Structures are given as C-alpha cells and as structure tokens.
PDB file of all heavy atoms in Angstrom:
ATOM      1  N   SER A   1      89.029  91.536 110.799  1.00  0.00           N
ATOM      2  CA  SER A   1      89.537  90.441 111.610  1.00  0.00           C
ATOM      3  C   SER A   1      90.165  89.325 110.783  1.00  0.00           C
ATOM      4  O   SER A   1      90.782  88.421 111.333  1.00  0.00           O
ATOM      5  CB  SER A   1      88.416  89.853 112.470  1.00  0.00           C
ATOM      6  OG  SER A   1      87.364  89.351 111.672  1.00  0.00           O
ATOM      7  N   THR A   2      90.040  89.398 109.460  1.00  0.00           N
ATOM      8  CA  THR A   2      90.543  88.313 108.619  1.00  0.00           C
ATOM      9  C   THR A   2      92.064  88.264 108.624  1.00  0.00           C
ATOM     10  O   THR A   2      92.734  89.287 108.509  1.00  0.00           O
ATOM     11  CB  THR A   2      90.029  88.432 107.182  1.00  0.00           C
ATOM     12  OG1 THR A   2      90.564  87.363 106.398  1.00  0.00           O
ATOM     13  CG2 THR A   2      90.451  89.753 106.537  1.00  0.00           C
ATOM     14  N   ARG A   3      92.599  87.064 108.715  1.00  0.00           N
ATOM     15  CA  ARG A   3      94.046  86.891 108.707  1.00  0.00           C
ATOM     16  C   ARG A   3      94.632  86.991 107.315  1.00  0.00           C
ATOM     17  O   ARG A   3      95.853  87.038 107.162  1.00  0.00           O
ATOM     18  CB  ARG A   3      94.418  85.555 109.348  1.00  0.00           C
ATOM     19  CG  ARG A   3      93.891  84.334 108.613  1.00  0.00           C
ATOM     20  CD  ARG A   3      94.196  83.072 109.397  1.00  0.00           C
ATOM     21  NE  ARG A   3      95.622  82.889 109.632  1.00  0.00           N
ATOM     22  CZ  ARG A   3      96.138  82.006 110.475  1.00  0.00           C
ATOM     23  NH1 ARG A   3      95.334  81.227 111.187  1.00  0.00           N
ATOM     24  NH2 ARG A   3      97.445  81.916 110.617  1.00  0.00           N
ATOM     25  N   THR A   4      93.773  87.022 106.290  1.00  0.00           N
ATOM     26  CA  THR A   4      94.226  87.158 104.911  1.00  0.00           C
ATOM     27  C   THR A   4      94.196  88.605 104.425  1.00  0.00           C
ATOM     28  O   THR A   4      94.320  88.849 103.232  1.00  0.00           O
ATOM     29  CB  THR A   4      93.388  86.285 103.969  1.00  0.00           C
ATOM     30  OG1 THR A   4      92.020  86.698 103.998  1.00  0.00           O
ATOM     31  CG2 THR A   4      93.481  84.827 104.371  1.00  0.00           C
ATOM     32  N   PHE A   5      94.046  89.560 105.326  1.00  0.00           N
ATOM     33  CA  PHE A   5      93.981  90.973 104.968  1.00  0.00           C
ATOM     34  C   PHE A   5      95.157  91.396 104.095  1.00  0.00           C
ATOM     35  O   PHE A   5      94.997  92.160 103.141  1.00  0.00           O
ATOM     36  CB  PHE A   5      93.932  91.826 106.236  1.00  0.00           C
ATOM     37  CG  PHE A   5      94.002  93.307 105.977  1.00  0.00           C
ATOM     38  CD1 PHE A   5      92.899  94.003 105.519  1.00  0.00           C
ATOM     39  CD2 PHE A   5      95.180  94.007 106.207  1.00  0.00           C
ATOM     40  CE1 PHE A   5      92.958  95.368 105.288  1.00  0.00           C
ATOM     41  CE2 PHE A   5      95.251  95.370 105.986  1.00  0.00           C
ATOM     42  CZ  PHE A   5      94.138  96.056 105.523  1.00  0.00           C
ATOM     43  N   SER A   6      96.346  90.904 104.401  1.00  0.00           N
ATOM     44  CA  SER A   6      97.548  91.316 103.692  1.00  0.00           C
ATOM     45  C   SER A   6      97.571  90.872 102.238  1.00  0.00           C
ATOM     46  O   SER A   6      98.387  91.363 101.460  1.00  0.00           O
ATOM     47  CB  SER A   6      98.793  90.794 104.413  1.00  0.00           C
ATOM     48  OG  SER A   6      98.813  89.377 104.449  1.00  0.00           O
ATOM     49  N   SER A   7      96.695  89.968 101.846  1.00  0.00           N
ATOM     50  CA  SER A   7      96.656  89.483 100.471  1.00  0.00           C
ATOM     51  C   SER A   7      95.730  90.304  99.577  1.00  0.00           C
ATOM     52  O   SER A   7      95.649  90.042  98.378  1.00  0.00           O
ATOM     53  CB  SER A   7      96.232  88.016 100.432  1.00  0.00           C
ATOM     54  OG  SER A   7      94.879  87.853 100.819  1.00  0.00           O
ATOM     55  N   TYR A   8      95.043  91.294 100.141  1.00  0.00           N
ATOM     56  CA  TYR A   8      94.106  92.118  99.388  1.00  0.00           C
ATOM     57  C   TYR A   8      94.647  93.518  99.133  1.00  0.00           C
ATOM     58  O   TYR A   8      95.311  94.109  99.989  1.00  0.00           O
ATOM     59  CB  TYR A   8      92.786  92.270 100.148  1.00  0.00           C
ATOM     60  CG  TYR A   8      91.958  91.026 100.249  1.00  0.00           C
ATOM     61  CD1 TYR A   8      92.051  90.202 101.365  1.00  0.00           C
ATOM     62  CD2 TYR A   8      91.068  90.682  99.242  1.00  0.00           C
ATOM     63  CE1 TYR A   8      91.284  89.060 101.467  1.00  0.00           C
ATOM     64  CE2 TYR A   8      90.295  89.538  99.338  1.00  0.00           C
ATOM     65  CZ  TYR A   8      90.405  88.732 100.453  1.00  0.00           C
ATOM     66  OH  TYR A   8      89.637  87.603 100.559  1.00  0.00           O
ATOM     67  N   ALA A   9      94.323  94.046  97.959  1.00  0.00           N
ATOM     68  CA  ALA A   9      94.406  95.485  97.760  1.00  0.00           C
ATOM     69  C   ALA A   9      93.219  96.117  98.481  1.00  0.00           C
ATOM     70  O   ALA A   9      92.143  95.524  98.552  1.00  0.00           O
ATOM     71  CB  ALA A   9      94.354  95.830  96.276  1.00  0.00           C
ATOM     72  N   VAL A  10      93.407  97.303  99.038  1.00  0.00           N
ATOM     73  CA  VAL A  10      92.329  97.963  99.764  1.00  0.00           C
ATOM     74  C   VAL A  10      92.214  99.416  99.327  1.00  0.00           C
ATOM     75  O   VAL A  10      93.185 100.015  98.859  1.00  0.00           O
ATOM     76  CB  VAL A  10      92.523  97.869 101.297  1.00  0.00           C
ATOM     77  CG1 VAL A  10      92.174  96.472 101.782  1.00  0.00           C
ATOM     78  CG2 VAL A  10      93.956  98.212 101.696  1.00  0.00           C
ATOM     79  N   ALA A  11      91.024  99.977  99.496  1.00  0.00           N
ATOM     80  CA  ALA A  11      90.761 101.302  98.969  1.00  0.00           C
ATOM     81  C   ALA A  11      89.726 102.035  99.809  1.00  0.00           C
ATOM     82  O   ALA A  11      89.005 101.432 100.610  1.00  0.00           O
ATOM     83  CB  ALA A  11      90.264 101.212  97.524  1.00  0.00           C
ATOM     84  N   TRP A  12      89.672 103.349  99.597  1.00  0.00           N
ATOM     85  CA  TRP A  12      88.636 104.197 100.158  1.00  0.00           C
ATOM     86  C   TRP A  12      87.800 104.793  99.033  1.00  0.00           C
ATOM     87  O   TRP A  12      88.341 105.286  98.040  1.00  0.00           O
ATOM     88  CB  TRP A  12      89.226 105.342 100.982  1.00  0.00           C
ATOM     89  CG  TRP A  12      89.862 104.910 102.266  1.00  0.00           C
ATOM     90  CD1 TRP A  12      91.180 104.662 102.484  1.00  0.00           C
ATOM     91  CD2 TRP A  12      89.198 104.676 103.512  1.00  0.00           C
ATOM     92  NE1 TRP A  12      91.389 104.290 103.792  1.00  0.00           N
ATOM     93  CE2 TRP A  12      90.185 104.293 104.446  1.00  0.00           C
ATOM     94  CE3 TRP A  12      87.870 104.763 103.936  1.00  0.00           C
ATOM     95  CZ2 TRP A  12      89.888 103.989 105.774  1.00  0.00           C
ATOM     96  CZ3 TRP A  12      87.579 104.454 105.247  1.00  0.00           C
ATOM     97  CH2 TRP A  12      88.576 104.074 106.151  1.00  0.00           C
ATOM     98  N   PHE A  13      86.493 104.745  99.213  1.00  0.00           N
ATOM     99  CA  PHE A  13      85.533 105.419  98.352  1.00  0.00           C
ATOM    100  C   PHE A  13      84.678 106.330  99.212  1.00  0.00           C
ATOM    101  O   PHE A  13      84.636 106.190 100.439  1.00  0.00           O
ATOM    102  CB  PHE A  13      84.649 104.408  97.616  1.00  0.00           C
ATOM    103  CG  PHE A  13      85.354 103.632  96.540  1.00  0.00           C
ATOM    104  CD1 PHE A  13      86.186 102.572  96.856  1.00  0.00           C
ATOM    105  CD2 PHE A  13      85.184 103.959  95.206  1.00  0.00           C
ATOM    106  CE1 PHE A  13      86.841 101.851  95.872  1.00  0.00           C
ATOM    107  CE2 PHE A  13      85.825 103.245  94.205  1.00  0.00           C
ATOM    108  CZ  PHE A  13      86.657 102.198  94.540  1.00  0.00           C
ATOM    109  N   ARG A  14      83.980 107.254  98.574  1.00  0.00           N
ATOM    110  CA  ARG A  14      83.069 108.109  99.324  1.00  0.00           C
ATOM    111  C   ARG A  14      81.824 108.398  98.501  1.00  0.00           C
ATOM    112  O   ARG A  14      81.846 108.341  97.274  1.00  0.00           O
ATOM    113  CB  ARG A  14      83.746 109.417  99.744  1.00  0.00           C
ATOM    114  CG  ARG A  14      84.116 110.340  98.589  1.00  0.00           C
ATOM    115  CD  ARG A  14      84.937 111.517  99.095  1.00  0.00           C
ATOM    116  NE  ARG A  14      85.272 112.450  98.029  1.00  0.00           N
ATOM    117  CZ  ARG A  14      86.093 113.485  98.168  1.00  0.00           C
ATOM    118  NH1 ARG A  14      86.675 113.723  99.343  1.00  0.00           N
ATOM    119  NH2 ARG A  14      86.337 114.282  97.137  1.00  0.00           N
ATOM    120  N   GLN A  15      80.754 108.722  99.209  1.00  0.00           N
ATOM    121  CA  GLN A  15      79.499 109.032  98.548  1.00  0.00           C
ATOM    122  C   GLN A  15      78.822 110.186  99.276  1.00  0.00           C
ATOM    123  O   GLN A  15      78.415 110.050 100.430  1.00  0.00           O
ATOM    124  CB  GLN A  15      78.574 107.817  98.505  1.00  0.00           C
ATOM    125  CG  GLN A  15      77.310 108.032  97.690  1.00  0.00           C
ATOM    126  CD  GLN A  15      76.552 106.749  97.438  1.00  0.00           C
ATOM    127  OE1 GLN A  15      76.702 105.778  98.174  1.00  0.00           O
ATOM    128  NE2 GLN A  15      75.741 106.739  96.396  1.00  0.00           N
ATOM    129  N   ALA A  16      78.705 111.310  98.584  1.00  0.00           N
ATOM    130  CA  ALA A  16      78.004 112.463  99.127  1.00  0.00           C
ATOM    131  C   ALA A  16      76.507 112.292  98.905  1.00  0.00           C
ATOM    132  O   ALA A  16      76.071 111.565  98.010  1.00  0.00           O
ATOM    133  CB  ALA A  16      78.498 113.742  98.466  1.00  0.00           C
ATOM    134  N   ALA A  17      75.721 112.974  99.710  1.00  0.00           N
ATOM    135  CA  ALA A  17      74.267 112.876  99.610  1.00  0.00           C
ATOM    136  C   ALA A  17      73.795 113.259  98.218  1.00  0.00           C
ATOM    137  O   ALA A  17      74.157 114.314  97.695  1.00  0.00           O
ATOM    138  CB  ALA A  17      73.617 113.776 100.653  1.00  0.00           C
ATOM    139  N   GLY A  18      73.009 112.390  97.617  1.00  0.00           N
ATOM    140  CA  GLY A  18      72.457 112.658  96.302  1.00  0.00           C
ATOM    141  C   GLY A  18      73.412 112.459  95.147  1.00  0.00           C
ATOM    142  O   GLY A  18      73.054 112.754  94.000  1.00  0.00           O
ATOM    143  N   LYS A  19      74.624 111.961  95.409  1.00  0.00           N
ATOM    144  CA  LYS A  19      75.613 111.774  94.362  1.00  0.00           C
ATOM    145  C   LYS A  19      76.067 110.319  94.292  1.00  0.00           C
ATOM    146  O   LYS A  19      75.817 109.533  95.198  1.00  0.00           O
ATOM    147  CB  LYS A  19      76.817 112.683  94.593  1.00  0.00           C
ATOM    148  CG  LYS A  19      76.500 114.169  94.533  1.00  0.00           C
ATOM    149  CD  LYS A  19      77.751 115.012  94.663  1.00  0.00           C
ATOM    150  CE  LYS A  19      77.429 116.486  94.562  1.00  0.00           C
ATOM    151  NZ  LYS A  19      78.654 117.322  94.677  1.00  0.00           N
ATOM    152  N   GLU A  20      76.752 109.996  93.203  1.00  0.00           N
ATOM    153  CA  GLU A  20      77.264 108.649  93.019  1.00  0.00           C
ATOM    154  C   GLU A  20      78.525 108.431  93.853  1.00  0.00           C
ATOM    155  O   GLU A  20      79.237 109.370  94.196  1.00  0.00           O
ATOM    156  CB  GLU A  20      77.566 108.396  91.543  1.00  0.00           C
ATOM    157  CG  GLU A  20      76.343 108.420  90.644  1.00  0.00           C
ATOM    158  CD  GLU A  20      76.671 108.117  89.199  1.00  0.00           C
ATOM    159  OE1 GLU A  20      77.869 108.147  88.840  1.00  0.00           O
ATOM    160  OE2 GLU A  20      75.739 107.839  88.432  1.00  0.00           O
ATOM    161  N   ARG A  21      78.786 107.176  94.155  1.00  0.00           N
ATOM    162  CA  ARG A  21      79.999 106.820  94.875  1.00  0.00           C
ATOM    163  C   ARG A  21      81.223 107.104  94.007  1.00  0.00           C
ATOM    164  O   ARG A  21      81.219 106.825  92.804  1.00  0.00           O
ATOM    165  CB  ARG A  21      79.952 105.342  95.261  1.00  0.00           C
ATOM    166  CG  ARG A  21      81.104 104.871  96.122  1.00  0.00           C
ATOM    167  CD  ARG A  21      80.809 103.485  96.678  1.00  0.00           C
ATOM    168  NE  ARG A  21      80.548 102.519  95.635  1.00  0.00           N
ATOM    169  CZ  ARG A  21      80.004 101.328  95.832  1.00  0.00           C
ATOM    170  NH1 ARG A  21      79.629 100.970  97.062  1.00  0.00           N
ATOM    171  NH2 ARG A  21      79.816 100.506  94.818  1.00  0.00           N
ATOM    172  N   GLU A  22      82.268 107.657  94.610  1.00  0.00           N
ATOM    173  CA  GLU A  22      83.469 107.989  93.862  1.00  0.00           C
ATOM    174  C   GLU A  22      84.721 107.472  94.558  1.00  0.00           C
ATOM    175  O   GLU A  22      84.781 107.331  95.783  1.00  0.00           O
ATOM    176  CB  GLU A  22      83.577 109.499  93.646  1.00  0.00           C
ATOM    177  CG  GLU A  22      83.793 110.304  94.908  1.00  0.00           C
ATOM    178  CD  GLU A  22      84.027 111.778  94.633  1.00  0.00           C
ATOM    179  OE1 GLU A  22      84.258 112.159  93.473  1.00  0.00           O
ATOM    180  OE2 GLU A  22      83.980 112.573  95.605  1.00  0.00           O
ATOM    181  N   PHE A  23      85.728 107.229  93.760  1.00  0.00           N
ATOM    182  CA  PHE A  23      87.003 106.738  94.239  1.00  0.00           C
ATOM    183  C   PHE A  23      87.765 107.832  94.973  1.00  0.00           C
ATOM    184  O   PHE A  23      87.743 108.994  94.565  1.00  0.00           O
ATOM    185  CB  PHE A  23      87.826 106.236  93.055  1.00  0.00           C
ATOM    186  CG  PHE A  23      89.241 105.887  93.381  1.00  0.00           C
ATOM    187  CD1 PHE A  23      89.549 104.719  94.051  1.00  0.00           C
ATOM    188  CD2 PHE A  23      90.273 106.725  93.005  1.00  0.00           C
ATOM    189  CE1 PHE A  23      90.855 104.387  94.350  1.00  0.00           C
ATOM    190  CE2 PHE A  23      91.586 106.406  93.287  1.00  0.00           C
ATOM    191  CZ  PHE A  23      91.877 105.229  93.963  1.00  0.00           C
ATOM    192  N   VAL A  24      88.462 107.452  96.042  1.00  0.00           N
ATOM    193  CA  VAL A  24      89.291 108.386  96.800  1.00  0.00           C
ATOM    194  C   VAL A  24      90.764 107.997  96.717  1.00  0.00           C
ATOM    195  O   VAL A  24      91.602 108.772  96.260  1.00  0.00           O
ATOM    196  CB  VAL A  24      88.860 108.458  98.273  1.00  0.00           C
ATOM    197  CG1 VAL A  24      89.787 109.386  99.064  1.00  0.00           C
ATOM    198  CG2 VAL A  24      87.412 108.933  98.379  1.00  0.00           C
ATOM    199  N   ALA A  25      91.094 106.795  97.173  1.00  0.00           N
ATOM    200  CA  ALA A  25      92.482 106.347  97.198  1.00  0.00           C
ATOM    201  C   ALA A  25      92.534 104.840  97.355  1.00  0.00           C
ATOM    202  O   ALA A  25      91.605 104.226  97.884  1.00  0.00           O
ATOM    203  CB  ALA A  25      93.249 107.016  98.347  1.00  0.00           C
ATOM    204  N   ALA A  26      93.639 104.241  96.910  1.00  0.00           N
ATOM    205  CA  ALA A  26      93.824 102.798  97.028  1.00  0.00           C
ATOM    206  C   ALA A  26      95.285 102.489  97.287  1.00  0.00           C
ATOM    207  O   ALA A  26      96.180 103.294  96.994  1.00  0.00           O
ATOM    208  CB  ALA A  26      93.347 102.090  95.758  1.00  0.00           C
ATOM    209  N   ILE A  27      95.535 101.290  97.816  1.00  0.00           N
ATOM    210  CA  ILE A  27      96.886 100.851  98.118  1.00  0.00           C
ATOM    211  C   ILE A  27      97.001  99.362  97.828  1.00  0.00           C
ATOM    212  O   ILE A  27      96.071  98.590  98.076  1.00  0.00           O
ATOM    213  CB  ILE A  27      97.253 101.193  99.584  1.00  0.00           C
ATOM    214  CG1 ILE A  27      98.738 100.943  99.864  1.00  0.00           C
ATOM    215  CG2 ILE A  27      96.365 100.433 100.564  1.00  0.00           C
ATOM    216  CD1 ILE A  27      99.205 101.568 101.182  1.00  0.00           C
ATOM    217  N   SER A  28      98.147  98.954  97.292  1.00  0.00           N
ATOM    218  CA  SER A  28      98.371  97.560  96.946  1.00  0.00           C
ATOM    219  C   SER A  28      98.518  96.705  98.199  1.00  0.00           C
ATOM    220  O   SER A  28      98.682  97.213  99.314  1.00  0.00           O
ATOM    221  CB  SER A  28      99.611  97.430  96.066  1.00  0.00           C
ATOM    222  OG  SER A  28     100.772  97.860  96.761  1.00  0.00           O
ATOM    223  N   TRP A  29      98.498  95.394  98.012  1.00  0.00           N
ATOM    224  CA  TRP A  29      98.533  94.486  99.161  1.00  0.00           C
ATOM    225  C   TRP A  29      99.788  94.641 100.004  1.00  0.00           C
ATOM    226  O   TRP A  29      99.751  94.463 101.228  1.00  0.00           O
ATOM    227  CB  TRP A  29      98.377  93.038  98.699  1.00  0.00           C
ATOM    228  CG  TRP A  29      99.533  92.490  97.909  1.00  0.00           C
ATOM    229  CD1 TRP A  29      99.682  92.496  96.553  1.00  0.00           C
ATOM    230  CD2 TRP A  29     100.697  91.849  98.436  1.00  0.00           C
ATOM    231  NE1 TRP A  29     100.862  91.901  96.197  1.00  0.00           N
ATOM    232  CE2 TRP A  29     101.510  91.490  97.332  1.00  0.00           C
ATOM    233  CE3 TRP A  29     101.135  91.532  99.722  1.00  0.00           C
ATOM    234  CZ2 TRP A  29     102.732  90.843  97.498  1.00  0.00           C
ATOM    235  CZ3 TRP A  29     102.356  90.894  99.884  1.00  0.00           C
ATOM    236  CH2 TRP A  29     103.132  90.552  98.771  1.00  0.00           C
ATOM    237  N   GLY A  30     100.918  94.977  99.377  1.00  0.00           N
ATOM    238  CA  GLY A  30     102.163  95.153 100.100  1.00  0.00           C
ATOM    239  C   GLY A  30     102.409  96.571 100.567  1.00  0.00           C
ATOM    240  O   GLY A  30     103.390  96.821 101.275  1.00  0.00           O
ATOM    241  N   GLY A  31     101.556  97.505 100.164  1.00  0.00           N
ATOM    242  CA  GLY A  31     101.680  98.888 100.585  1.00  0.00           C
ATOM    243  C   GLY A  31     102.698  99.704  99.816  1.00  0.00           C
ATOM    244  O   GLY A  31     102.965 100.851 100.184  1.00  0.00           O
ATOM    245  N   ARG A  32     103.269  99.147  98.758  1.00  0.00           N
ATOM    246  CA  ARG A  32     104.309  99.856  98.010  1.00  0.00           C
ATOM    247  C   ARG A  32     103.771 100.747  96.903  1.00  0.00           C
ATOM    248  O   ARG A  32     104.475 101.660  96.462  1.00  0.00           O
ATOM    249  CB  ARG A  32     105.292  98.843  97.416  1.00  0.00           C
ATOM    250  CG  ARG A  32     106.032  98.013  98.453  1.00  0.00           C
ATOM    251  CD  ARG A  32     107.016  97.062  97.801  1.00  0.00           C
ATOM    252  NE  ARG A  32     107.705  96.229  98.780  1.00  0.00           N
ATOM    253  CZ  ARG A  32     107.261  95.057  99.202  1.00  0.00           C
ATOM    254  NH1 ARG A  32     106.132  94.565  98.726  1.00  0.00           N
ATOM    255  NH2 ARG A  32     107.945  94.372 100.102  1.00  0.00           N
ATOM    256  N   SER A  33     102.544 100.495  96.459  1.00  0.00           N
ATOM    257  CA  SER A  33     101.948 101.270  95.382  1.00  0.00           C
ATOM    258  C   SER A  33     100.634 101.888  95.843  1.00  0.00           C
ATOM    259  O   SER A  33      99.850 101.239  96.540  1.00  0.00           O
ATOM    260  CB  SER A  33     101.698 100.391  94.155  1.00  0.00           C
ATOM    261  OG  SER A  33     102.912  99.855  93.659  1.00  0.00           O
ATOM    262  N   THR A  34     100.403 103.139  95.440  1.00  0.00           N
ATOM    263  CA  THR A  34      99.180 103.845  95.812  1.00  0.00           C
ATOM    264  C   THR A  34      98.563 104.516  94.597  1.00  0.00           C
ATOM    265  O   THR A  34      99.214 104.729  93.578  1.00  0.00           O
ATOM    266  CB  THR A  34      99.438 104.897  96.900  1.00  0.00           C
ATOM    267  OG1 THR A  34     100.432 105.830  96.433  1.00  0.00           O
ATOM    268  CG2 THR A  34      99.931 104.245  98.176  1.00  0.00           C
ATOM    269  N   ASN A  35      97.297 104.878  94.741  1.00  0.00           N
ATOM    270  CA  ASN A  35      96.532 105.498  93.671  1.00  0.00           C
ATOM    271  C   ASN A  35      95.576 106.502  94.313  1.00  0.00           C
ATOM    272  O   ASN A  35      94.839 106.137  95.228  1.00  0.00           O
ATOM    273  CB  ASN A  35      95.771 104.417  92.900  1.00  0.00           C
ATOM    274  CG  ASN A  35      95.075 104.933  91.666  1.00  0.00           C
ATOM    275  OD1 ASN A  35      95.330 106.038  91.207  1.00  0.00           O
ATOM    276  ND2 ASN A  35      94.192 104.115  91.106  1.00  0.00           N
TER     277      ASN A  35
END
C-alpha cells in the first residue's frame, strides 16, 4: 500500500523445508534491469 513502492528495488526469495532461503529474481526500481 506504500506510495513510495516505485523508489524500491524488489525481489523474490524462496525457502524450501529444511533449507536456507535462496535468491530467485530481482528487479530495479524502474523495472529496466533484472537479475
């Protein structure tokens, strides 16, 4: 709900049962760069 959402980079992580959290994907604040 934050109006400042567009100023943040955002990402997805995942964690399987019994395992450590791992990186999945990320996107820059403007949406032009991904990882």
